[in-house]
Amino acid sequence: MAFQCDDDNAKPCPGDAVERKIEELKAKPKQNPAAEVYEYTYKGQKVYLISSDCCDQYNLLYDQCMTTICAPSGGFSGAGDGRCADFYDKATDKRLVWRDNR
């Protein structure tokens, strides 16, 4: 099943976009700390937070099409890129989707 992303002119994205992203992570060397993918509800949509692969890197938030929305945490300050500063206050329904247990 495919769905439309935010842009009305966007092509539908695959329903397995998050699984494809996880396969990309599996194809890379194991991160330290281990990679994690969490699902949340944020501003009425399902989103995915993926942990960074090293210190001082952003933890990126993606929509269902795996398009980057923002970085709510990480970076040199630890506070992300500032584009979704309310994420941890407003996001609900946190669910672990995948953790790299290699």
PDB file of N, CA and C in Angstrom:
ATOM      1  N   MET A   1       0.841  -1.160   0.000  1.00  0.00           N
ATOM      2  CA  MET A   1       0.000   0.000   0.000  1.00  0.00           C
ATOM      3  C   MET A   1       0.898   1.239   0.000  1.00  0.00           C
ATOM      4  N   ALA A   2       0.602   2.194  -0.836  1.00  0.00           N
ATOM      5  CA  ALA A   2       1.375   3.432  -0.920  1.00  0.00           C
ATOM      6  C   ALA A   2       0.526   4.575  -0.389  1.00  0.00           C
ATOM      7  N   PHE A   3       1.176   5.644  -0.012  1.00  0.00           N
ATOM      8  CA  PHE A   3       0.471   6.811   0.484  1.00  0.00           C
ATOM      9  C   PHE A   3       1.176   8.049  -0.001  1.00  0.00           C
ATOM     10  N   GLN A   4       0.506   9.152   0.097  1.00  0.00           N
ATOM     11  CA  GLN A   4       1.029  10.422  -0.383  1.00  0.00           C
ATOM     12  C   GLN A   4       1.757  11.139   0.751  1.00  0.00           C
ATOM     13  N   CYS A   5       2.854  11.788   0.430  1.00  0.00           N
ATOM     14  CA  CYS A   5       3.566  12.586   1.416  1.00  0.00           C
ATOM     15  C   CYS A   5       2.999  13.998   1.438  1.00  0.00           C
ATOM     16  N   ASP A   6       3.635  14.902   2.192  1.00  0.00           N
ATOM     17  CA  ASP A   6       3.114  16.242   2.400  1.00  0.00           C
ATOM     18  C   ASP A   6       2.863  17.024   1.122  1.00  0.00           C
ATOM     19  N   ASP A   7       3.739  16.937   0.150  1.00  0.00           N
ATOM     20  CA  ASP A   7       3.639  17.705  -1.078  1.00  0.00           C
ATOM     21  C   ASP A   7       2.548  17.107  -1.960  1.00  0.00           C
ATOM     22  N   ASP A   8       1.556  17.920  -2.354  1.00  0.00           N
ATOM     23  CA  ASP A   8       0.459  17.430  -3.184  1.00  0.00           C
ATOM     24  C   ASP A   8       0.937  16.918  -4.536  1.00  0.00           C
ATOM     25  N   ASN A   9       2.085  17.388  -5.014  1.00  0.00           N
ATOM     26  CA  ASN A   9       2.616  16.963  -6.300  1.00  0.00           C
ATOM     27  C   ASN A   9       3.592  15.799  -6.170  1.00  0.00           C
ATOM     28  N   ALA A  10       3.822  15.334  -4.955  1.00  0.00           N
ATOM     29  CA  ALA A  10       4.782  14.255  -4.723  1.00  0.00           C
ATOM     30  C   ALA A  10       4.230  12.931  -5.238  1.00  0.00           C
ATOM     31  N   LYS A  11       5.131  12.076  -5.656  1.00  0.00           N
ATOM     32  CA  LYS A  11       4.745  10.734  -6.059  1.00  0.00           C
ATOM     33  C   LYS A  11       4.502   9.924  -4.790  1.00  0.00           C
ATOM     34  N   PRO A  12       3.613   8.940  -4.859  1.00  0.00           N
ATOM     35  CA  PRO A  12       3.397   8.092  -3.678  1.00  0.00           C
ATOM     36  C   PRO A  12       4.700   7.396  -3.294  1.00  0.00           C
ATOM     37  N   CYS A  13       4.903   7.235  -2.023  1.00  0.00           N
ATOM     38  CA  CYS A  13       6.103   6.530  -1.582  1.00  0.00           C
ATOM     39  C   CYS A  13       5.725   5.093  -1.248  1.00  0.00           C
ATOM     40  N   PRO A  14       6.703   4.213  -1.270  1.00  0.00           N
ATOM     41  CA  PRO A  14       6.400   2.810  -0.993  1.00  0.00           C
ATOM     42  C   PRO A  14       5.977   2.598   0.455  1.00  0.00           C
ATOM     43  N   GLY A  15       5.077   1.683   0.672  1.00  0.00           N
ATOM     44  CA  GLY A  15       4.611   1.372   2.011  1.00  0.00           C
ATOM     45  C   GLY A  15       5.681   0.732   2.875  1.00  0.00           C
ATOM     46  N   ASP A  16       6.763   0.265   2.259  1.00  0.00           N
ATOM     47  CA  ASP A  16       7.837  -0.377   2.999  1.00  0.00           C
ATOM     48  C   ASP A  16       9.050   0.539   3.161  1.00  0.00           C
ATOM     49  N   ALA A  17       8.850   1.832   3.118  1.00  0.00           N
ATOM     50  CA  ALA A  17       9.968   2.786   3.172  1.00  0.00           C
ATOM     51  C   ALA A  17      10.802   2.604   4.435  1.00  0.00           C
ATOM     52  N   VAL A  18      10.176   2.397   5.579  1.00  0.00           N
ATOM     53  CA  VAL A  18      10.935   2.241   6.822  1.00  0.00           C
ATOM     54  C   VAL A  18      11.734   0.941   6.796  1.00  0.00           C
ATOM     55  N   GLU A  19      11.173  -0.112   6.230  1.00  0.00           N
ATOM     56  CA  GLU A  19      11.908  -1.371   6.129  1.00  0.00           C
ATOM     57  C   GLU A  19      13.121  -1.207   5.211  1.00  0.00           C
ATOM     58  N   ARG A  20      12.973  -0.447   4.155  1.00  0.00           N
ATOM     59  CA  ARG A  20      14.104  -0.182   3.257  1.00  0.00           C
ATOM     60  C   ARG A  20      15.207   0.583   3.990  1.00  0.00           C
ATOM     61  N   LYS A  21      14.805   1.552   4.807  1.00  0.00           N
ATOM     62  CA  LYS A  21      15.787   2.315   5.577  1.00  0.00           C
ATOM     63  C   LYS A  21      16.522   1.396   6.552  1.00  0.00           C
ATOM     64  N   ILE A  22      15.806   0.506   7.194  1.00  0.00           N
ATOM     65  CA  ILE A  22      16.429  -0.444   8.119  1.00  0.00           C
ATOM     66  C   ILE A  22      17.414  -1.338   7.359  1.00  0.00           C
ATOM     67  N   GLU A  23      17.067  -1.779   6.175  1.00  0.00           N
ATOM     68  CA  GLU A  23      17.984  -2.594   5.372  1.00  0.00           C
ATOM     69  C   GLU A  23      19.247  -1.804   5.031  1.00  0.00           C
ATOM     70  N   GLU A  24      19.109  -0.505   4.771  1.00  0.00           N
ATOM     71  CA  GLU A  24      20.286   0.349   4.538  1.00  0.00           C
ATOM     72  C   GLU A  24      21.189   0.357   5.765  1.00  0.00           C
ATOM     73  N   LEU A  25      20.584   0.482   6.947  1.00  0.00           N
ATOM     74  CA  LEU A  25      21.359   0.489   8.187  1.00  0.00           C
ATOM     75  C   LEU A  25      22.060  -0.844   8.402  1.00  0.00           C
ATOM     76  N   LYS A  26      21.383  -1.935   8.095  1.00  0.00           N
ATOM     77  CA  LYS A  26      21.969  -3.269   8.251  1.00  0.00           C
ATOM     78  C   LYS A  26      23.150  -3.489   7.307  1.00  0.00           C
ATOM     79  N   ALA A  27      23.131  -2.826   6.162  1.00  0.00           N
ATOM     80  CA  ALA A  27      24.196  -2.992   5.169  1.00  0.00           C
ATOM     81  C   ALA A  27      25.460  -2.236   5.560  1.00  0.00           C
ATOM     82  N   LYS A  28      25.368  -1.347   6.532  1.00  0.00           N
ATOM     83  CA  LYS A  28      26.518  -0.574   7.003  1.00  0.00           C
ATOM     84  C   LYS A  28      27.143  -1.280   8.201  1.00  0.00           C
ATOM     85  N   PRO A  29      28.373  -0.911   8.543  1.00  0.00           N
ATOM     86  CA  PRO A  29      28.957  -1.455   9.775  1.00  0.00           C
ATOM     87  C   PRO A  29      28.099  -1.071  10.982  1.00  0.00           C
ATOM     88  N   LYS A  30      28.120  -1.916  11.998  1.00  0.00           N
ATOM     89  CA  LYS A  30      27.328  -1.648  13.201  1.00  0.00           C
ATOM     90  C   LYS A  30      27.765  -0.336  13.833  1.00  0.00           C
ATOM     91  N   GLN A  31      26.784   0.468  14.203  1.00  0.00           N
ATOM     92  CA  GLN A  31      27.037   1.739  14.878  1.00  0.00           C
ATOM     93  C   GLN A  31      27.370   1.489  16.342  1.00  0.00           C
ATOM     94  N   ASN A  32      28.029   2.460  16.957  1.00  0.00           N
ATOM     95  CA  ASN A  32      28.297   2.415  18.383  1.00  0.00           C
ATOM     96  C   ASN A  32      27.997   3.787  18.963  1.00  0.00           C
ATOM     97  N   PRO A  33      26.885   3.935  19.663  1.00  0.00           N
ATOM     98  CA  PRO A  33      25.944   2.901  20.100  1.00  0.00           C
ATOM     99  C   PRO A  33      25.137   2.343  18.928  1.00  0.00           C
ATOM    100  N   ALA A  34      24.512   1.188  19.163  1.00  0.00           N
ATOM    101  CA  ALA A  34      23.760   0.490  18.124  1.00  0.00           C
ATOM    102  C   ALA A  34      22.645   1.367  17.573  1.00  0.00           C
ATOM    103  N   ALA A  35      22.390   1.234  16.279  1.00  0.00           N
ATOM    104  CA  ALA A  35      21.314   1.984  15.623  1.00  0.00           C
ATOM    105  C   ALA A  35      19.962   1.567  16.174  1.00  0.00           C
ATOM    106  N   GLU A  36      19.077   2.557  16.295  1.00  0.00           N
ATOM    107  CA  GLU A  36      17.704   2.313  16.729  1.00  0.00           C
ATOM    108  C   GLU A  36      16.765   3.133  15.856  1.00  0.00           C
ATOM    109  N   VAL A  37      15.585   2.561  15.603  1.00  0.00           N
ATOM    110  CA  VAL A  37      14.530   3.252  14.867  1.00  0.00           C
ATOM    111  C   VAL A  37      13.300   3.252  15.759  1.00  0.00           C
ATOM    112  N   TYR A  38      12.814   4.447  16.078  1.00  0.00           N
ATOM    113  CA  TYR A  38      11.607   4.594  16.890  1.00  0.00           C
ATOM    114  C   TYR A  38      10.517   5.246  16.066  1.00  0.00           C
ATOM    115  N   GLU A  39       9.299   4.781  16.258  1.00  0.00           N
ATOM    116  CA  GLU A  39       8.129   5.375  15.617  1.00  0.00           C
ATOM    117  C   GLU A  39       7.414   6.248  16.646  1.00  0.00           C
ATOM    118  N   TYR A  40       6.946   7.395  16.214  1.00  0.00           N
ATOM    119  CA  TYR A  40       6.173   8.314  17.053  1.00  0.00           C
ATOM    120  C   TYR A  40       4.999   8.847  16.235  1.00  0.00           C
ATOM    121  N   THR A  41       4.077   9.503  16.918  1.00  0.00           N
ATOM    122  CA  THR A  41       3.084  10.347  16.268  1.00  0.00           C
ATOM    123  C   THR A  41       3.477  11.773  16.608  1.00  0.00           C
ATOM    124  N   TYR A  42       3.600  12.605  15.574  1.00  0.00           N
ATOM    125  CA  TYR A  42       4.035  14.000  15.759  1.00  0.00           C
ATOM    126  C   TYR A  42       3.286  14.863  14.761  1.00  0.00           C
ATOM    127  N   LYS A  43       2.606  15.864  15.281  1.00  0.00           N
ATOM    128  CA  LYS A  43       1.806  16.771  14.457  1.00  0.00           C
ATOM    129  C   LYS A  43       0.849  16.011  13.551  1.00  0.00           C
ATOM    130  N   GLY A  44       0.241  14.973  14.125  1.00  0.00           N
ATOM    131  CA  GLY A  44      -0.784  14.213  13.422  1.00  0.00           C
ATOM    132  C   GLY A  44      -0.291  13.209  12.408  1.00  0.00           C
ATOM    133  N   GLN A  45       1.000  13.004  12.321  1.00  0.00           N
ATOM    134  CA  GLN A  45       1.507  12.020  11.368  1.00  0.00           C
ATOM    135  C   GLN A  45       2.465  11.040  12.031  1.00  0.00           C
ATOM    136  N   LYS A  46       2.592   9.870  11.433  1.00  0.00           N
ATOM    137  CA  LYS A  46       3.537   8.873  11.899  1.00  0.00           C
ATOM    138  C   LYS A  46       4.925   9.294  11.412  1.00  0.00           C
ATOM    139  N   VAL A  47       5.890   9.301  12.331  1.00  0.00           N
ATOM    140  CA  VAL A  47       7.259   9.693  12.010  1.00  0.00           C
ATOM    141  C   VAL A  47       8.223   8.685  12.621  1.00  0.00           C
ATOM    142  N   TYR A  48       9.478   8.736  12.142  1.00  0.00           N
ATOM    143  CA  TYR A  48      10.488   7.788  12.592  1.00  0.00           C
ATOM    144  C   TYR A  48      11.757   8.532  12.986  1.00  0.00           C
ATOM    145  N   LEU A  49      12.228   8.276  14.179  1.00  0.00           N
ATOM    146  CA  LEU A  49      13.470   8.860  14.677  1.00  0.00           C
ATOM    147  C   LEU A  49      14.555   7.787  14.590  1.00  0.00           C
ATOM    148  N   ILE A  50      15.642   8.127  13.897  1.00  0.00           N
ATOM    149  CA  ILE A  50      16.736   7.184  13.713  1.00  0.00           C
ATOM    150  C   ILE A  50      17.980   7.743  14.381  1.00  0.00           C
ATOM    151  N   SER A  51      18.573   6.936  15.244  1.00  0.00           N
ATOM    152  CA  SER A  51      19.750   7.372  15.991  1.00  0.00           C
ATOM    153  C   SER A  51      20.934   7.559  15.056  1.00  0.00           C
ATOM    154  N   SER A  52      21.811   8.469  15.451  1.00  0.00           N
ATOM    155  CA  SER A  52      22.997   8.764  14.641  1.00  0.00           C
ATOM    156  C   SER A  52      24.062   7.691  14.824  1.00  0.00           C
ATOM    157  N   ASP A  53      25.053   7.740  13.938  1.00  0.00           N
ATOM    158  CA  ASP A  53      26.092   6.721  13.973  1.00  0.00           C
ATOM    159  C   ASP A  53      27.316   7.117  14.794  1.00  0.00           C
ATOM    160  N   CYS A  54      27.295   8.296  15.390  1.00  0.00           N
ATOM    161  CA  CYS A  54      28.447   8.695  16.194  1.00  0.00           C
ATOM    162  C   CYS A  54      28.118   9.931  17.019  1.00  0.00           C
ATOM    163  N   CYS A  55      29.045  10.256  17.802  1.00  0.00           N
ATOM    164  CA  CYS A  55      28.950  11.432  18.663  1.00  0.00           C
ATOM    165  C   CYS A  55      28.806  12.715  17.829  1.00  0.00           C
ATOM    166  N   ASP A  56      28.139  13.674  18.366  1.00  0.00           N
ATOM    167  CA  ASP A  56      27.958  14.992  17.768  1.00  0.00           C
ATOM    168  C   ASP A  56      27.269  14.963  16.403  1.00  0.00           C
ATOM    169  N   GLN A  57      26.590  13.880  16.062  1.00  0.00           N
ATOM    170  CA  GLN A  57      25.812  13.799  14.823  1.00  0.00           C
ATOM    171  C   GLN A  57      24.338  13.969  15.170  1.00  0.00           C
ATOM    172  N   TYR A  58      23.576  14.481  14.223  1.00  0.00           N
ATOM    173  CA  TYR A  58      22.138  14.641  14.438  1.00  0.00           C
ATOM    174  C   TYR A  58      21.423  13.292  14.448  1.00  0.00           C
ATOM    175  N   ASN A  59      20.407  13.185  15.300  1.00  0.00           N
ATOM    176  CA  ASN A  59      19.449  12.084  15.266  1.00  0.00           C
ATOM    177  C   ASN A  59      18.306  12.587  14.393  1.00  0.00           C
ATOM    178  N   LEU A  60      18.121  11.965  13.241  1.00  0.00           N
ATOM    179  CA  LEU A  60      17.199  12.507  12.243  1.00  0.00           C
ATOM    180  C   LEU A  60      15.793  11.947  12.388  1.00  0.00           C
ATOM    181  N   LEU A  61      14.820  12.834  12.141  1.00  0.00           N
ATOM    182  CA  LEU A  61      13.409  12.489  12.154  1.00  0.00           C
ATOM    183  C   LEU A  61      12.924  12.450  10.714  1.00  0.00           C
ATOM    184  N   TYR A  62      12.236  11.376  10.348  1.00  0.00           N
ATOM    185  CA  TYR A  62      11.761  11.163   8.977  1.00  0.00           C
ATOM    186  C   TYR A  62      10.246  11.014   8.956  1.00  0.00           C
ATOM    187  N   ASP A  63       9.632  11.388   7.831  1.00  0.00           N
ATOM    188  CA  ASP A  63       8.220  11.095   7.636  1.00  0.00           C
ATOM    189  C   ASP A  63       8.080   9.664   7.139  1.00  0.00           C
ATOM    190  N   GLN A  64       6.871   9.253   6.783  1.00  0.00           N
ATOM    191  CA  GLN A  64       6.637   7.871   6.363  1.00  0.00           C
ATOM    192  C   GLN A  64       7.313   7.525   5.042  1.00  0.00           C
ATOM    193  N   CYS A  65       7.690   8.549   4.265  1.00  0.00           N
ATOM    194  CA  CYS A  65       8.383   8.325   2.995  1.00  0.00           C
ATOM    195  C   CYS A  65       9.891   8.323   3.176  1.00  0.00           C
ATOM    196  N   MET A  66      10.340   8.435   4.422  1.00  0.00           N
ATOM    197  CA  MET A  66      11.759   8.523   4.769  1.00  0.00           C
ATOM    198  C   MET A  66      12.403   9.794   4.218  1.00  0.00           C
ATOM    199  N   THR A  67      11.611  10.859   4.182  1.00  0.00           N
ATOM    200  CA  THR A  67      12.107  12.189   3.859  1.00  0.00           C
ATOM    201  C   THR A  67      12.450  12.864   5.182  1.00  0.00           C
ATOM    202  N   THR A  68      13.632  13.431   5.282  1.00  0.00           N
ATOM    203  CA  THR A  68      14.054  14.065   6.529  1.00  0.00           C
ATOM    204  C   THR A  68      13.178  15.261   6.838  1.00  0.00           C
ATOM    205  N   ILE A  69      12.681  15.310   8.076  1.00  0.00           N
ATOM    206  CA  ILE A  69      11.881  16.436   8.561  1.00  0.00           C
ATOM    207  C   ILE A  69      12.780  17.409   9.313  1.00  0.00           C
ATOM    208  N   CYS A  70      13.562  16.878  10.257  1.00  0.00           N
ATOM    209  CA  CYS A  70      14.397  17.710  11.115  1.00  0.00           C
ATOM    210  C   CYS A  70      15.292  16.803  11.949  1.00  0.00           C
ATOM    211  N   ALA A  71      16.051  17.432  12.828  1.00  0.00           N
ATOM    212  CA  ALA A  71      16.874  16.697  13.794  1.00  0.00           C
ATOM    213  C   ALA A  71      16.510  17.209  15.185  1.00  0.00           C
ATOM    214  N   PRO A  72      15.672  16.471  15.914  1.00  0.00           N
ATOM    215  CA  PRO A  72      15.252  16.948  17.223  1.00  0.00           C
ATOM    216  C   PRO A  72      16.317  16.853  18.312  1.00  0.00           C
ATOM    217  N   SER A  73      17.385  16.102  18.051  1.00  0.00           N
ATOM    218  CA  SER A  73      18.446  15.962  19.044  1.00  0.00           C
ATOM    219  C   SER A  73      19.758  15.653  18.337  1.00  0.00           C
ATOM    220  N   GLY A  74      20.826  15.667  19.117  1.00  0.00           N
ATOM    221  CA  GLY A  74      22.149  15.399  18.575  1.00  0.00           C
ATOM    222  C   GLY A  74      22.839  16.666  18.122  1.00  0.00           C
ATOM    223  N   GLY A  75      23.953  16.528  17.466  1.00  0.00           N
ATOM    224  CA  GLY A  75      24.760  17.669  17.062  1.00  0.00           C
ATOM    225  C   GLY A  75      25.646  18.117  18.211  1.00  0.00           C
ATOM    226  N   PHE A  76      26.447  19.143  17.978  1.00  0.00           N
ATOM    227  CA  PHE A  76      27.386  19.612  19.000  1.00  0.00           C
ATOM    228  C   PHE A  76      26.696  20.040  20.285  1.00  0.00           C
ATOM    229  N   SER A  77      25.518  20.687  20.161  1.00  0.00           N
ATOM    230  CA  SER A  77      24.805  21.161  21.348  1.00  0.00           C
ATOM    231  C   SER A  77      23.966  20.065  21.996  1.00  0.00           C
ATOM    232  N   GLY A  78      23.670  19.017  21.240  1.00  0.00           N
ATOM    233  CA  GLY A  78      22.774  17.974  21.728  1.00  0.00           C
ATOM    234  C   GLY A  78      21.315  18.293  21.503  1.00  0.00           C
ATOM    235  N   ALA A  79      21.015  19.527  21.081  1.00  0.00           N
ATOM    236  CA  ALA A  79      19.637  19.993  20.927  1.00  0.00           C
ATOM    237  C   ALA A  79      19.132  19.917  19.493  1.00  0.00           C
ATOM    238  N   GLY A  80      19.851  19.248  18.612  1.00  0.00           N
ATOM    239  CA  GLY A  80      19.389  19.102  17.237  1.00  0.00           C
ATOM    240  C   GLY A  80      19.601  20.344  16.408  1.00  0.00           C
ATOM    241  N   ASP A  81      18.826  20.425  15.317  1.00  0.00           N
ATOM    242  CA  ASP A  81      18.981  21.543  14.388  1.00  0.00           C
ATOM    243  C   ASP A  81      18.022  22.698  14.663  1.00  0.00           C
ATOM    244  N   GLY A  82      17.176  22.582  15.686  1.00  0.00           N
ATOM    245  CA  GLY A  82      16.265  23.659  16.069  1.00  0.00           C
ATOM    246  C   GLY A  82      14.993  23.749  15.248  1.00  0.00           C
ATOM    247  N   ARG A  83      14.834  22.912  14.235  1.00  0.00           N
ATOM    248  CA  ARG A  83      13.646  22.986  13.374  1.00  0.00           C
ATOM    249  C   ARG A  83      12.428  22.273  13.962  1.00  0.00           C
ATOM    250  N   CYS A  84      12.641  21.465  14.994  1.00  0.00           N
ATOM    251  CA  CYS A  84      11.505  20.797  15.653  1.00  0.00           C
ATOM    252  C   CYS A  84      11.795  20.710  17.150  1.00  0.00           C
ATOM    253  N   ALA A  85      12.051  21.859  17.723  1.00  0.00           N
ATOM    254  CA  ALA A  85      12.434  21.935  19.136  1.00  0.00           C
ATOM    255  C   ALA A  85      11.351  21.388  20.067  1.00  0.00           C
ATOM    256  N   ASP A  86      10.105  21.332  19.589  1.00  0.00           N
ATOM    257  CA  ASP A  86       9.000  20.837  20.414  1.00  0.00           C
ATOM    258  C   ASP A  86       8.768  19.334  20.278  1.00  0.00           C
ATOM    259  N   PHE A  87       9.621  18.650  19.535  1.00  0.00           N
ATOM    260  CA  PHE A  87       9.374  17.235  19.252  1.00  0.00           C
ATOM    261  C   PHE A  87       9.184  16.404  20.516  1.00  0.00           C
ATOM    262  N   TYR A  88      10.107  16.476  21.450  1.00  0.00           N
ATOM    263  CA  TYR A  88      10.022  15.615  22.631  1.00  0.00           C
ATOM    264  C   TYR A  88       8.875  16.003  23.561  1.00  0.00           C
ATOM    265  N   ASP A  89       8.396  17.231  23.454  1.00  0.00           N
ATOM    266  CA  ASP A  89       7.227  17.652  24.237  1.00  0.00           C
ATOM    267  C   ASP A  89       5.915  17.229  23.583  1.00  0.00           C
ATOM    268  N   LYS A  90       5.885  17.196  22.253  1.00  0.00           N
ATOM    269  CA  LYS A  90       4.628  16.961  21.528  1.00  0.00           C
ATOM    270  C   LYS A  90       4.485  15.557  20.950  1.00  0.00           C
ATOM    271  N   ALA A  91       5.570  14.855  20.743  1.00  0.00           N
ATOM    272  CA  ALA A  91       5.495  13.517  20.150  1.00  0.00           C
ATOM    273  C   ALA A  91       4.883  12.527  21.137  1.00  0.00           C
ATOM    274  N   THR A  92       4.067  11.624  20.613  1.00  0.00           N
ATOM    275  CA  THR A  92       3.400  10.613  21.440  1.00  0.00           C
ATOM    276  C   THR A  92       3.576   9.232  20.797  1.00  0.00           C
ATOM    277  N   ASP A  93       3.089   8.231  21.479  1.00  0.00           N
ATOM    278  CA  ASP A  93       3.022   6.860  20.962  1.00  0.00           C
ATOM    279  C   ASP A  93       4.391   6.295  20.575  1.00  0.00           C
ATOM    280  N   LYS A  94       5.402   6.563  21.389  1.00  0.00           N
ATOM    281  CA  LYS A  94       6.748   6.062  21.103  1.00  0.00           C
ATOM    282  C   LYS A  94       6.747   4.540  21.068  1.00  0.00           C
ATOM    283  N   ARG A  95       7.369   3.998  19.990  1.00  0.00           N
ATOM    284  CA  ARG A  95       7.441   2.545  19.830  1.00  0.00           C
ATOM    285  C   ARG A  95       8.756   2.186  19.147  1.00  0.00           C
ATOM    286  N   LEU A  96       9.499   1.276  19.764  1.00  0.00           N
ATOM    287  CA  LEU A  96      10.728   0.787  19.144  1.00  0.00           C
ATOM    288  C   LEU A  96      10.358  -0.086  17.946  1.00  0.00           C
ATOM    289  N   VAL A  97      10.867   0.275  16.772  1.00  0.00           N
ATOM    290  CA  VAL A  97      10.621  -0.491  15.557  1.00  0.00           C
ATOM    291  C   VAL A  97      11.741  -1.481  15.323  1.00  0.00           C
ATOM    292  N   TRP A  98      12.989  -1.035  15.568  1.00  0.00           N
ATOM    293  CA  TRP A  98      14.156  -1.883  15.294  1.00  0.00           C
ATOM    294  C   TRP A  98      15.347  -1.396  16.088  1.00  0.00           C
ATOM    295  N   ARG A  99      16.141  -2.344  16.563  1.00  0.00           N
ATOM    296  CA  ARG A  99      17.433  -2.064  17.200  1.00  0.00           C
ATOM    297  C   ARG A  99      18.433  -3.044  16.607  1.00  0.00           C
ATOM    298  N   ASP A 100      19.585  -2.543  16.260  1.00  0.00           N
ATOM    299  CA  ASP A 100      20.625  -3.386  15.670  1.00  0.00           C
ATOM    300  C   ASP A 100      21.279  -4.217  16.764  1.00  0.00           C
ATOM    301  N   ASN A 101      20.967  -5.492  16.804  1.00  0.00           N
ATOM    302  CA  ASN A 101      21.489  -6.394  17.827  1.00  0.00           C
ATOM    303  C   ASN A 101      22.647  -7.252  17.350  1.00  0.00           C
ATOM    304  N   ARG A 102      23.284  -6.810  16.266  1.00  0.00           N
ATOM    305  CA  ARG A 102      24.428  -7.593  15.762  1.00  0.00           C
ATOM    306  C   ARG A 102      25.545  -7.642  16.785  1.00  0.00           C
TER     307      ARG A 102
END
